[in-house]
Amino acid sequence: LPWRPRDPAGRTAAGEDTLWVPAPDMPALCRALLKDLPVHTQVQIDALHRDAAGWRLESGGATVAREFGAVVLAIPPAQAAALLQALQPSWAQQALTLPMLPDWTLMGLASAAGDRSDWQLACPSDGVLASIIRNHSKPGRVPVAGMAHWVAHATADWSARHLETPAAVVQDALQQALARWFGQAPDWRYVTVHRWRYAVAPAGARSGAGDCWWDAQAGLGICGDAWGGGGVEGAWGSARALAAAISGVDPA
């Protein structure tokens, strides 16, 4: 669904851009795309091999799936490079030139009692927080009665400096940063943090990389936000470009 969030000053926080969000939650898009498809999770693929029968996928030295006509990598460039090194060395080298920045994110529920504000997205400049999102204000969300659902992203620089910091320490630091920004500590009912090691494609990082890569002869493709321009919108556009390259059908 389209979203043009307001900042605390009442302006459109994203400028002229329209943001897009899945509904009723972030995983909804993946659930819809994967409906009726066999999906295997919690399996780390560490090698790809191709022979006359097709592609084989290996995990821990054992073949876990075989006889695929094509393989698509929709993973961060650094992780893709490790799989591509023996198959497409030039792709692997180019993938390593596409940086992805880390992101520590706090997610929590707090009491909404006494909160009269209606802004949806703030972008602090304190060096710790990159954005604060009133998540329940996104279109299609179902609010929890009496609760505010907050999502706060740390800056890429701060996240990089604290990449290996224990989660409990990061959570405390982000809660303190939020308390300073709000002017008081929220009445938290639930809080957690998550680290994305490869989270954000820097602006301009995709220059010259193309929206996706596809080797029709080998049946090997790669896509993602590092290729498509960043964010879920960039990832979506890159995947559509790769689907068009594979099928020969223009998604437009």
C-alpha atoms as a PDB file:
ATOM      1  CA  LEU A   1       0.000   0.000   0.000  1.00  0.00           C
ATOM      2  CA  PRO A   2       1.248   3.560  -0.672  1.00  0.00           C
ATOM      3  CA  TRP A   3       2.394   5.572   2.352  1.00  0.00           C
ATOM      4  CA  ARG A   4       3.368   9.229   2.613  1.00  0.00           C
ATOM      5  CA  PRO A   5       4.205   9.623   6.311  1.00  0.00           C
ATOM      6  CA  ARG A   6       4.129  12.945   8.171  1.00  0.00           C
ATOM      7  CA  ASP A   7       7.070  14.136  10.250  1.00  0.00           C
ATOM      8  CA  PRO A   8       6.721  15.953  13.619  1.00  0.00           C
ATOM      9  CA  ALA A   9       6.521  19.297  11.764  1.00  0.00           C
ATOM     10  CA  GLY A  10       3.546  18.088   9.716  1.00  0.00           C
ATOM     11  CA  ARG A  11       5.520  17.784   6.488  1.00  0.00           C
ATOM     12  CA  THR A  12       5.667  14.725   4.251  1.00  0.00           C
ATOM     13  CA  ALA A  13       8.672  12.933   5.713  1.00  0.00           C
ATOM     14  CA  ALA A  14       9.699  11.213   2.482  1.00  0.00           C
ATOM     15  CA  GLY A  15       9.670  14.427   0.448  1.00  0.00           C
ATOM     16  CA  GLU A  16       8.116  13.856  -2.946  1.00  0.00           C
ATOM     17  CA  ASP A  17       8.589  10.092  -2.787  1.00  0.00           C
ATOM     18  CA  THR A  18       5.793   7.656  -2.051  1.00  0.00           C
ATOM     19  CA  LEU A  19       6.835   4.780   0.178  1.00  0.00           C
ATOM     20  CA  TRP A  20       5.290   1.338  -0.187  1.00  0.00           C
ATOM     21  CA  VAL A  21       4.508  -0.997   2.704  1.00  0.00           C
ATOM     22  CA  PRO A  22       3.055  -4.518   2.779  1.00  0.00           C
ATOM     23  CA  ALA A  23      -0.158  -5.074   4.743  1.00  0.00           C
ATOM     24  CA  PRO A  24      -1.053  -6.176   7.334  1.00  0.00           C
ATOM     25  CA  ASP A  25       2.645  -6.636   8.247  1.00  0.00           C
ATOM     26  CA  MET A  26       6.083  -6.705   6.629  1.00  0.00           C
ATOM     27  CA  PRO A  27       6.186 -10.503   5.967  1.00  0.00           C
ATOM     28  CA  ALA A  28       2.821 -10.325   4.154  1.00  0.00           C
ATOM     29  CA  LEU A  29       4.462  -9.720   0.783  1.00  0.00           C
ATOM     30  CA  CYS A  30       6.637 -12.823   1.093  1.00  0.00           C
ATOM     31  CA  ARG A  31       3.718 -14.919   2.317  1.00  0.00           C
ATOM     32  CA  ALA A  32       1.673 -13.901  -0.711  1.00  0.00           C
ATOM     33  CA  LEU A  33       4.493 -14.574  -3.176  1.00  0.00           C
ATOM     34  CA  LEU A  34       5.280 -17.979  -1.660  1.00  0.00           C
ATOM     35  CA  LYS A  35       1.689 -19.155  -1.363  1.00  0.00           C
ATOM     36  CA  ASP A  36       1.272 -22.716  -2.678  1.00  0.00           C
ATOM     37  CA  LEU A  37       5.036 -23.080  -3.259  1.00  0.00           C
ATOM     38  CA  PRO A  38       7.204 -25.631  -1.412  1.00  0.00           C
ATOM     39  CA  VAL A  39       9.575 -23.650   0.811  1.00  0.00           C
ATOM     40  CA  HIS A  40      12.462 -24.943   2.927  1.00  0.00           C
ATOM     41  CA  THR A  41      13.818 -22.606   5.610  1.00  0.00           C
ATOM     42  CA  GLN A  42      16.671 -22.752   8.129  1.00  0.00           C
ATOM     43  CA  VAL A  43      18.997 -24.364   5.553  1.00  0.00           C
ATOM     44  CA  GLN A  44      22.284 -22.606   4.791  1.00  0.00           C
ATOM     45  CA  ILE A  45      23.358 -23.277   1.215  1.00  0.00           C
ATOM     46  CA  ASP A  46      27.154 -23.120   1.087  1.00  0.00           C
ATOM     47  CA  ALA A  47      27.892 -24.487  -2.404  1.00  0.00           C
ATOM     48  CA  LEU A  48      26.295 -24.678  -5.844  1.00  0.00           C
ATOM     49  CA  HIS A  49      27.191 -27.242  -8.505  1.00  0.00           C
ATOM     50  CA  ARG A  50      25.938 -27.665 -12.052  1.00  0.00           C
ATOM     51  CA  ASP A  51      26.108 -30.856 -14.115  1.00  0.00           C
ATOM     52  CA  ALA A  52      24.159 -32.476 -16.932  1.00  0.00           C
ATOM     53  CA  ALA A  53      21.170 -33.049 -14.643  1.00  0.00           C
ATOM     54  CA  GLY A  54      21.006 -29.403 -13.581  1.00  0.00           C
ATOM     55  CA  TRP A  55      21.871 -27.465 -10.462  1.00  0.00           C
ATOM     56  CA  ARG A  56      22.643 -29.119  -7.113  1.00  0.00           C
ATOM     57  CA  LEU A  57      22.502 -27.254  -3.799  1.00  0.00           C
ATOM     58  CA  GLU A  58      24.804 -28.285  -0.961  1.00  0.00           C
ATOM     59  CA  SER A  59      24.726 -27.600   2.759  1.00  0.00           C
ATOM     60  CA  GLY A  60      27.523 -28.801   5.019  1.00  0.00           C
ATOM     61  CA  GLY A  61      28.938 -30.993   2.251  1.00  0.00           C
ATOM     62  CA  ALA A  62      25.650 -32.799   1.613  1.00  0.00           C
ATOM     63  CA  THR A  63      23.345 -32.350  -1.372  1.00  0.00           C
ATOM     64  CA  VAL A  64      20.018 -31.020  -0.098  1.00  0.00           C
ATOM     65  CA  ALA A  65      18.295 -30.361  -3.444  1.00  0.00           C
ATOM     66  CA  ARG A  66      19.037 -31.239  -7.060  1.00  0.00           C
ATOM     67  CA  GLU A  67      18.017 -31.074 -10.717  1.00  0.00           C
ATOM     68  CA  PHE A  68      17.030 -27.424 -10.877  1.00  0.00           C
ATOM     69  CA  GLY A  69      17.003 -25.744 -14.266  1.00  0.00           C
ATOM     70  CA  ALA A  70      18.004 -22.387 -12.790  1.00  0.00           C
ATOM     71  CA  VAL A  71      19.242 -20.829  -9.564  1.00  0.00           C
ATOM     72  CA  VAL A  72      18.471 -17.299  -8.396  1.00  0.00           C
ATOM     73  CA  LEU A  73      20.441 -15.655  -5.587  1.00  0.00           C
ATOM     74  CA  ALA A  74      18.399 -13.005  -3.784  1.00  0.00           C
ATOM     75  CA  ILE A  75      20.878 -12.424  -0.960  1.00  0.00           C
ATOM     76  CA  PRO A  76      23.371  -9.693   0.032  1.00  0.00           C
ATOM     77  CA  PRO A  77      26.301  -9.231  -2.374  1.00  0.00           C
ATOM     78  CA  ALA A  78      28.982 -10.434   0.071  1.00  0.00           C
ATOM     79  CA  GLN A  79      27.092 -13.676   0.682  1.00  0.00           C
ATOM     80  CA  ALA A  80      26.385 -14.101  -3.026  1.00  0.00           C
ATOM     81  CA  ALA A  81      30.089 -13.624  -3.815  1.00  0.00           C
ATOM     82  CA  ALA A  82      31.027 -16.639  -1.695  1.00  0.00           C
ATOM     83  CA  LEU A  83      28.698 -18.854  -3.746  1.00  0.00           C
ATOM     84  CA  LEU A  84      29.675 -17.300  -7.071  1.00  0.00           C
ATOM     85  CA  GLN A  85      33.458 -17.507  -6.696  1.00  0.00           C
ATOM     86  CA  ALA A  86      33.807 -20.963  -8.273  1.00  0.00           C
ATOM     87  CA  LEU A  87      31.039 -20.404 -10.834  1.00  0.00           C
ATOM     88  CA  GLN A  88      31.243 -16.796 -11.987  1.00  0.00           C
ATOM     89  CA  PRO A  89      34.488 -15.250 -10.648  1.00  0.00           C
ATOM     90  CA  SER A  90      33.869 -11.938 -12.419  1.00  0.00           C
ATOM     91  CA  TRP A  91      30.416 -11.700 -10.847  1.00  0.00           C
ATOM     92  CA  ALA A  92      31.882 -12.547  -7.445  1.00  0.00           C
ATOM     93  CA  GLN A  93      34.474  -9.780  -7.743  1.00  0.00           C
ATOM     94  CA  GLN A  94      31.881  -7.246  -8.864  1.00  0.00           C
ATOM     95  CA  ALA A  95      29.474  -8.275  -6.096  1.00  0.00           C
ATOM     96  CA  LEU A  96      32.163  -7.508  -3.524  1.00  0.00           C
ATOM     97  CA  THR A  97      32.269  -3.915  -4.796  1.00  0.00           C
ATOM     98  CA  LEU A  98      28.594  -3.430  -3.869  1.00  0.00           C
ATOM     99  CA  PRO A  99      28.617  -2.404  -0.194  1.00  0.00           C
ATOM    100  CA  MET A 100      25.760  -3.066   2.198  1.00  0.00           C
ATOM    101  CA  LEU A 101      25.597  -1.137   5.456  1.00  0.00           C
ATOM    102  CA  PRO A 102      24.497  -2.656   8.793  1.00  0.00           C
ATOM    103  CA  ASP A 103      21.439  -1.696  10.821  1.00  0.00           C
ATOM    104  CA  TRP A 104      20.587  -2.232  14.474  1.00  0.00           C
ATOM    105  CA  THR A 105      16.816  -1.892  14.897  1.00  0.00           C
ATOM    106  CA  LEU A 106      14.693  -1.572  18.026  1.00  0.00           C
ATOM    107  CA  MET A 107      11.079  -2.766  17.932  1.00  0.00           C
ATOM    108  CA  GLY A 108       8.701  -2.386  20.828  1.00  0.00           C
ATOM    109  CA  LEU A 109       5.267  -1.752  22.266  1.00  0.00           C
ATOM    110  CA  ALA A 110       4.745   1.093  24.723  1.00  0.00           C
ATOM    111  CA  SER A 111       1.722   2.574  26.416  1.00  0.00           C
ATOM    112  CA  ALA A 112       0.040   5.211  24.255  1.00  0.00           C
ATOM    113  CA  ALA A 113      -1.552   6.918  27.263  1.00  0.00           C
ATOM    114  CA  GLY A 114      -1.178  10.686  27.043  1.00  0.00           C
ATOM    115  CA  ASP A 115       0.248  10.614  23.508  1.00  0.00           C
ATOM    116  CA  ARG A 116      -1.598  13.298  21.530  1.00  0.00           C
ATOM    117  CA  SER A 117       0.824  13.542  18.603  1.00  0.00           C
ATOM    118  CA  ASP A 118       0.032  12.102  15.189  1.00  0.00           C
ATOM    119  CA  TRP A 119       3.349  12.220  13.304  1.00  0.00           C
ATOM    120  CA  GLN A 120       4.384   8.971  11.643  1.00  0.00           C
ATOM    121  CA  LEU A 121       8.086   9.175  10.785  1.00  0.00           C
ATOM    122  CA  ALA A 122      10.891  11.187  12.366  1.00  0.00           C
ATOM    123  CA  CYS A 123      14.526  11.393  11.305  1.00  0.00           C
ATOM    124  CA  PRO A 124      16.632  12.525  14.287  1.00  0.00           C
ATOM    125  CA  SER A 125      20.083  14.021  13.852  1.00  0.00           C
ATOM    126  CA  ASP A 126      21.628  12.826  17.110  1.00  0.00           C
ATOM    127  CA  GLY A 127      24.137  10.474  15.474  1.00  0.00           C
ATOM    128  CA  VAL A 128      22.505   7.413  17.018  1.00  0.00           C
ATOM    129  CA  LEU A 129      19.022   7.195  15.517  1.00  0.00           C
ATOM    130  CA  ALA A 130      18.397   7.364  11.785  1.00  0.00           C
ATOM    131  CA  SER A 131      14.616   7.085  11.970  1.00  0.00           C
ATOM    132  CA  ILE A 132      11.747   6.560  14.393  1.00  0.00           C
ATOM    133  CA  ILE A 133       8.594   5.030  12.950  1.00  0.00           C
ATOM    134  CA  ARG A 134       5.149   4.991  14.520  1.00  0.00           C
ATOM    135  CA  ASN A 135       4.627   1.563  13.029  1.00  0.00           C
ATOM    136  CA  HIS A 136       0.935   1.211  13.858  1.00  0.00           C
ATOM    137  CA  SER A 137       0.236   4.285  11.699  1.00  0.00           C
ATOM    138  CA  LYS A 138       1.243   2.516   8.493  1.00  0.00           C
ATOM    139  CA  PRO A 139      -1.659   1.737   6.147  1.00  0.00           C
ATOM    140  CA  GLY A 140      -3.262  -1.645   6.696  1.00  0.00           C
ATOM    141  CA  ARG A 141      -1.889  -2.076  10.215  1.00  0.00           C
ATOM    142  CA  VAL A 142      -4.148  -3.188  13.071  1.00  0.00           C
ATOM    143  CA  PRO A 143      -3.194  -1.200  16.207  1.00  0.00           C
ATOM    144  CA  VAL A 144      -3.076  -2.833  19.629  1.00  0.00           C
ATOM    145  CA  ALA A 145      -5.574  -0.996  21.831  1.00  0.00           C
ATOM    146  CA  GLY A 146      -3.856   1.499  24.118  1.00  0.00           C
ATOM    147  CA  MET A 147      -0.433   0.721  22.682  1.00  0.00           C
ATOM    148  CA  ALA A 148       2.026   2.475  20.401  1.00  0.00           C
ATOM    149  CA  HIS A 149       4.180   0.263  18.195  1.00  0.00           C
ATOM    150  CA  TRP A 150       7.588   1.873  17.696  1.00  0.00           C
ATOM    151  CA  VAL A 151      10.385   0.903  15.310  1.00  0.00           C
ATOM    152  CA  ALA A 152      13.684   2.776  15.602  1.00  0.00           C
ATOM    153  CA  HIS A 153      16.606   2.316  13.219  1.00  0.00           C
ATOM    154  CA  ALA A 154      20.120   3.239  14.297  1.00  0.00           C
ATOM    155  CA  THR A 155      22.350   5.070  11.838  1.00  0.00           C
ATOM    156  CA  ALA A 156      24.635   2.983   9.644  1.00  0.00           C
ATOM    157  CA  ASP A 157      27.742   4.524  11.256  1.00  0.00           C
ATOM    158  CA  TRP A 158      26.528   3.792  14.787  1.00  0.00           C
ATOM    159  CA  SER A 159      25.476   0.277  13.774  1.00  0.00           C
ATOM    160  CA  ALA A 160      28.891  -0.385  12.220  1.00  0.00           C
ATOM    161  CA  ARG A 161      30.681   0.763  15.382  1.00  0.00           C
ATOM    162  CA  HIS A 162      28.483  -1.538  17.476  1.00  0.00           C
ATOM    163  CA  LEU A 163      28.240  -4.407  15.005  1.00  0.00           C
ATOM    164  CA  GLU A 164      29.473  -7.021  17.507  1.00  0.00           C
ATOM    165  CA  THR A 165      28.138  -5.337  20.655  1.00  0.00           C
ATOM    166  CA  PRO A 166      25.852  -7.640  22.686  1.00  0.00           C
ATOM    167  CA  ALA A 167      22.173  -7.146  21.907  1.00  0.00           C
ATOM    168  CA  ALA A 168      21.308  -6.244  25.514  1.00  0.00           C
ATOM    169  CA  VAL A 169      23.839  -3.394  25.473  1.00  0.00           C
ATOM    170  CA  VAL A 170      22.556  -2.138  22.118  1.00  0.00           C
ATOM    171  CA  GLN A 171      18.957  -2.284  23.344  1.00  0.00           C
ATOM    172  CA  ASP A 172      19.807  -0.194  26.393  1.00  0.00           C
ATOM    173  CA  ALA A 173      21.653   2.379  24.254  1.00  0.00           C
ATOM    174  CA  LEU A 174      18.785   2.696  21.771  1.00  0.00           C
ATOM    175  CA  GLN A 175      16.197   2.976  24.547  1.00  0.00           C
ATOM    176  CA  GLN A 176      18.253   5.777  26.097  1.00  0.00           C
ATOM    177  CA  ALA A 177      18.515   7.533  22.718  1.00  0.00           C
ATOM    178  CA  LEU A 178      14.744   7.312  22.289  1.00  0.00           C
ATOM    179  CA  ALA A 179      14.171   8.654  25.804  1.00  0.00           C
ATOM    180  CA  ARG A 180      16.395  11.647  25.025  1.00  0.00           C
ATOM    181  CA  TRP A 181      14.573  12.313  21.761  1.00  0.00           C
ATOM    182  CA  PHE A 182      11.074  11.954  23.271  1.00  0.00           C
ATOM    183  CA  GLY A 183      12.055  13.929  26.362  1.00  0.00           C
ATOM    184  CA  GLN A 184      11.046  11.030  28.586  1.00  0.00           C
ATOM    185  CA  ALA A 185      11.322   7.262  28.558  1.00  0.00           C
ATOM    186  CA  PRO A 186       8.380   5.478  26.921  1.00  0.00           C
ATOM    187  CA  ASP A 187       6.427   3.120  29.165  1.00  0.00           C
ATOM    188  CA  TRP A 188       7.691   0.004  27.447  1.00  0.00           C
ATOM    189  CA  ARG A 189       5.647  -3.191  27.612  1.00  0.00           C
ATOM    190  CA  TYR A 190       7.829  -5.125  25.187  1.00  0.00           C
ATOM    191  CA  VAL A 191      11.165  -4.312  23.530  1.00  0.00           C
ATOM    192  CA  THR A 192      13.608  -6.245  21.379  1.00  0.00           C
ATOM    193  CA  VAL A 193      16.445  -5.430  18.995  1.00  0.00           C
ATOM    194  CA  HIS A 194      17.673  -7.086  15.834  1.00  0.00           C
ATOM    195  CA  ARG A 195      20.902  -6.681  13.880  1.00  0.00           C
ATOM    196  CA  TRP A 196      20.931  -6.792  10.111  1.00  0.00           C
ATOM    197  CA  ARG A 197      24.569  -7.175   9.089  1.00  0.00           C
ATOM    198  CA  TYR A 198      23.679  -6.408   5.456  1.00  0.00           C
ATOM    199  CA  ALA A 199      20.759  -3.994   5.606  1.00  0.00           C
ATOM    200  CA  VAL A 200      21.093  -0.861   3.504  1.00  0.00           C
ATOM    201  CA  ALA A 201      22.467  -0.267   0.030  1.00  0.00           C
ATOM    202  CA  PRO A 202      24.211   3.141   0.066  1.00  0.00           C
ATOM    203  CA  ALA A 203      22.924   5.738  -2.365  1.00  0.00           C
ATOM    204  CA  GLY A 204      24.684   5.361  -5.705  1.00  0.00           C
ATOM    205  CA  ALA A 205      26.242   2.000  -4.833  1.00  0.00           C
ATOM    206  CA  ARG A 206      24.428   0.256  -7.687  1.00  0.00           C
ATOM    207  CA  SER A 207      25.866   2.584 -10.321  1.00  0.00           C
ATOM    208  CA  GLY A 208      26.852   0.495 -13.337  1.00  0.00           C
ATOM    209  CA  ALA A 209      25.778  -2.781 -11.759  1.00  0.00           C
ATOM    210  CA  GLY A 210      22.482  -3.131 -13.614  1.00  0.00           C
ATOM    211  CA  ASP A 211      19.128  -3.950 -12.045  1.00  0.00           C
ATOM    212  CA  CYS A 212      20.004  -7.662 -11.966  1.00  0.00           C
ATOM    213  CA  TRP A 213      22.404 -10.188 -13.482  1.00  0.00           C
ATOM    214  CA  TRP A 214      21.274 -13.152 -15.567  1.00  0.00           C
ATOM    215  CA  ASP A 215      23.310 -15.817 -17.370  1.00  0.00           C
ATOM    216  CA  ALA A 216      20.775 -17.605 -19.559  1.00  0.00           C
ATOM    217  CA  GLN A 217      23.214 -20.295 -20.687  1.00  0.00           C
ATOM    218  CA  ALA A 218      24.103 -21.300 -17.135  1.00  0.00           C
ATOM    219  CA  GLY A 219      20.660 -20.632 -15.699  1.00  0.00           C
ATOM    220  CA  LEU A 220      22.097 -18.407 -12.971  1.00  0.00           C
ATOM    221  CA  GLY A 221      20.711 -15.081 -11.790  1.00  0.00           C
ATOM    222  CA  ILE A 222      21.122 -12.583  -8.977  1.00  0.00           C
ATOM    223  CA  CYS A 223      18.964  -9.730  -7.732  1.00  0.00           C
ATOM    224  CA  GLY A 224      18.362  -7.596  -4.657  1.00  0.00           C
ATOM    225  CA  ASP A 225      18.244  -4.066  -3.318  1.00  0.00           C
ATOM    226  CA  ALA A 226      21.984  -3.601  -3.922  1.00  0.00           C
ATOM    227  CA  TRP A 227      21.181  -3.967  -7.626  1.00  0.00           C
ATOM    228  CA  GLY A 228      17.806  -2.237  -7.638  1.00  0.00           C
ATOM    229  CA  GLY A 229      18.618   0.946  -5.764  1.00  0.00           C
ATOM    230  CA  GLY A 230      18.002   0.262  -2.078  1.00  0.00           C
ATOM    231  CA  GLY A 231      15.014  -0.438   0.137  1.00  0.00           C
ATOM    232  CA  VAL A 232      12.160  -2.847  -0.412  1.00  0.00           C
ATOM    233  CA  GLU A 233      11.206  -0.837  -3.495  1.00  0.00           C
ATOM    234  CA  GLY A 234      14.648  -1.420  -5.022  1.00  0.00           C
ATOM    235  CA  ALA A 235      14.583  -5.119  -4.150  1.00  0.00           C
ATOM    236  CA  TRP A 236      11.134  -5.467  -5.720  1.00  0.00           C
ATOM    237  CA  GLY A 237      12.233  -3.693  -8.898  1.00  0.00           C
ATOM    238  CA  SER A 238      15.383  -5.808  -9.176  1.00  0.00           C
ATOM    239  CA  ALA A 239      13.418  -9.039  -8.759  1.00  0.00           C
ATOM    240  CA  ARG A 240      10.916  -7.968 -11.418  1.00  0.00           C
ATOM    241  CA  ALA A 241      13.780  -7.155 -13.779  1.00  0.00           C
ATOM    242  CA  LEU A 242      15.289 -10.603 -13.237  1.00  0.00           C
ATOM    243  CA  ALA A 243      11.919 -12.314 -13.706  1.00  0.00           C
ATOM    244  CA  ALA A 244      11.557 -10.465 -17.005  1.00  0.00           C
ATOM    245  CA  ALA A 245      15.054 -11.519 -18.090  1.00  0.00           C
ATOM    246  CA  ILE A 246      14.335 -15.164 -17.265  1.00  0.00           C
ATOM    247  CA  SER A 247      10.863 -15.304 -18.813  1.00  0.00           C
ATOM    248  CA  GLY A 248      11.351 -12.858 -21.651  1.00  0.00           C
ATOM    249  CA  VAL A 249       8.144 -11.105 -20.549  1.00  0.00           C
ATOM    250  CA  ASP A 250       8.224  -7.383 -19.734  1.00  0.00           C
ATOM    251  CA  PRO A 251       6.655  -7.000 -16.237  1.00  0.00           C
ATOM    252  CA  ALA A 252       5.284  -3.570 -17.199  1.00  0.00           C
END
